[in-house]
Amino acid sequence: MNEKIARFLGILPESMRSVIKKHAGMLDTATADYLDEELEEYLDKIRKKADSDININMMLIERMIDVSKKLLKMFASFDPEERRIVSAALRYFIDAEDARLDFEDPFGFDDDLAVLNAALLALDLENMVVER
């Protein structure tokens, strides 16, 4: 296993690792454009839910989306293992039924934030870490 992937997975609790592994088969075929489209669709869904759910912190979500989009702009410059990390983190975010249900749990996006930040740390991009 690549050192950066091992670092990424090692930062996360087992409950999050198992969800990331669920997406492992799709990671090799992910492209920045495809992930960007999925991210935009999910953001639209979040915005609609936020209209009726005061537990959704849109300021935090917007910061997470901004960082995700920066990662996608850098996607071509990453090596294949780094792309897998980015893909895993973004797919985790897009999966509403991950370790914490995004729309059912008042802290449903906290695990998504943890995965995104773990990816940033594994990629040595500490300067992009999103704070709550």
Protein backbone atom coordinates (compact mmCIF):
# COMPACT_ATOMS: atom_id res chain seq x y z
CA MET A 1 0.00 0.00 0.00
CA ASN A 2 1.22 3.47 -0.89
CA GLU A 3 2.55 5.50 2.06
CA LYS A 4 0.10 8.37 1.49
CA ILE A 5 -2.91 6.06 1.25
CA ALA A 6 -1.80 4.27 4.42
CA ARG A 7 -1.44 7.66 6.15
CA PHE A 8 -4.90 8.74 4.92
CA LEU A 9 -6.59 5.56 6.14
CA GLY A 10 -4.58 5.54 9.37
CA ILE A 11 -5.92 8.95 10.39
CA LEU A 12 -9.52 7.77 10.14
CA PRO A 13 -11.59 5.66 12.54
CA GLU A 14 -12.57 2.20 11.28
CA SER A 15 -16.19 3.23 10.67
CA MET A 16 -15.04 5.79 8.10
CA ARG A 17 -12.43 3.48 6.56
CA SER A 18 -15.07 0.85 5.82
CA VAL A 19 -17.20 3.37 3.91
CA ILE A 20 -14.18 4.54 1.92
CA LYS A 21 -13.34 0.94 1.05
CA LYS A 22 -16.90 0.55 -0.26
CA HIS A 23 -15.99 3.00 -3.03
CA ALA A 24 -12.60 1.44 -3.75
CA GLY A 25 -13.70 -0.29 -6.94
CA MET A 26 -14.79 2.98 -8.51
CA LEU A 27 -11.76 5.04 -7.61
CA ASP A 28 -9.58 4.00 -10.53
CA THR A 29 -12.05 5.30 -13.10
CA ALA A 30 -12.89 8.60 -11.41
CA THR A 31 -12.09 11.77 -13.28
CA ALA A 32 -12.03 15.33 -12.02
CA ASP A 33 -14.91 16.31 -14.33
CA TYR A 34 -17.07 13.42 -13.18
CA LEU A 35 -16.37 14.13 -9.51
CA ASP A 36 -17.06 17.83 -10.03
CA GLU A 37 -20.46 17.04 -11.55
CA GLU A 38 -21.36 14.72 -8.68
CA LEU A 39 -20.21 17.31 -6.17
CA GLU A 40 -22.40 19.99 -7.78
CA GLU A 41 -25.43 17.69 -7.77
CA TYR A 42 -24.90 16.88 -4.11
CA LEU A 43 -24.45 20.55 -3.24
CA ASP A 44 -27.82 21.28 -4.86
CA LYS A 45 -29.39 18.53 -2.73
CA ILE A 46 -27.78 19.94 0.43
CA ARG A 47 -29.03 23.46 -0.36
CA LYS A 48 -32.59 22.18 -0.79
CA LYS A 49 -32.43 20.27 2.49
CA ALA A 50 -30.88 23.26 4.28
CA ASP A 51 -34.01 25.30 3.57
CA SER A 52 -35.90 23.15 6.07
CA ASP A 53 -33.10 21.83 8.30
CA ILE A 54 -31.40 24.25 10.67
CA ASN A 55 -28.78 21.59 11.55
CA ILE A 56 -27.10 21.93 8.16
CA ASN A 57 -24.21 24.37 8.47
CA MET A 58 -24.08 25.83 4.97
CA MET A 59 -21.07 28.01 5.77
CA LEU A 60 -19.08 24.88 6.65
CA ILE A 61 -20.42 23.00 3.61
CA GLU A 62 -19.44 25.89 1.31
CA ARG A 63 -15.89 25.87 2.71
CA MET A 64 -15.69 22.11 2.20
CA ILE A 65 -16.93 22.49 -1.38
CA ASP A 66 -14.40 25.26 -2.09
CA VAL A 67 -11.52 23.07 -0.91
CA SER A 68 -12.90 20.09 -2.83
CA LYS A 69 -13.00 22.14 -6.01
CA LYS A 70 -9.41 23.27 -5.44
CA LEU A 71 -8.41 19.61 -5.14
CA LEU A 72 -10.19 18.86 -8.41
CA LYS A 73 -8.32 21.69 -10.14
CA MET A 74 -5.08 20.09 -8.92
CA PHE A 75 -6.24 16.56 -9.86
CA ALA A 76 -4.12 16.21 -13.01
CA SER A 77 -0.96 17.10 -11.10
CA PHE A 78 -1.47 14.31 -8.55
CA ASP A 79 0.04 10.88 -9.00
CA PRO A 80 -2.40 7.92 -9.29
CA GLU A 81 -2.34 7.16 -5.55
CA GLU A 82 -2.97 10.79 -4.66
CA ARG A 83 -5.91 10.82 -7.09
CA ARG A 84 -7.31 7.79 -5.26
CA ILE A 85 -7.17 9.73 -2.00
CA VAL A 86 -8.95 12.74 -3.52
CA SER A 87 -11.53 10.48 -5.15
CA ALA A 88 -12.15 8.59 -1.92
CA ALA A 89 -12.60 11.77 0.11
CA LEU A 90 -14.98 13.34 -2.39
CA ARG A 91 -17.00 10.17 -2.89
CA TYR A 92 -17.29 9.88 0.88
CA PHE A 93 -18.64 13.42 1.02
CA ILE A 94 -21.12 12.73 -1.78
CA ASP A 95 -22.36 9.55 -0.07
CA ALA A 96 -25.24 10.72 2.19
CA GLU A 97 -25.28 7.36 3.94
CA ASP A 98 -21.71 7.22 5.17
CA ALA A 99 -20.56 6.69 8.78
CA ARG A 100 -22.97 9.44 9.93
CA LEU A 101 -26.12 10.01 7.92
CA ASP A 102 -25.71 13.49 6.44
CA PHE A 103 -29.36 14.50 6.67
CA GLU A 104 -30.49 12.47 9.69
CA ASP A 105 -27.80 13.35 12.23
CA PRO A 106 -27.32 16.91 13.54
CA PHE A 107 -23.58 16.33 13.09
CA GLY A 108 -24.01 14.43 9.83
CA PHE A 109 -21.32 16.33 7.94
CA ASP A 110 -18.67 16.16 10.67
CA ASP A 111 -17.41 12.80 9.44
CA ASP A 112 -17.23 14.18 5.89
CA LEU A 113 -15.12 17.04 7.21
CA ALA A 114 -12.84 14.59 9.02
CA VAL A 115 -12.33 12.55 5.83
CA LEU A 116 -11.63 15.65 3.74
CA ASN A 117 -9.11 16.92 6.28
CA ALA A 118 -7.47 13.48 6.54
CA ALA A 119 -7.03 13.52 2.76
CA LEU A 120 -5.48 16.98 2.90
CA LEU A 121 -3.07 15.90 5.62
CA ALA A 122 -2.12 12.75 3.70
CA LEU A 123 -1.43 14.91 0.63
CA ASP A 124 0.72 17.33 2.67
CA LEU A 125 -1.79 20.12 2.08
CA GLU A 126 -2.19 21.20 5.71
CA ASN A 127 -2.66 24.80 4.58
CA MET A 128 -6.02 23.81 3.02
CA VAL A 129 -7.50 22.08 6.11
CA VAL A 130 -11.09 23.19 6.77
CA GLU A 131 -11.82 24.23 10.34
CA ARG A 132 -15.24 23.83 11.89
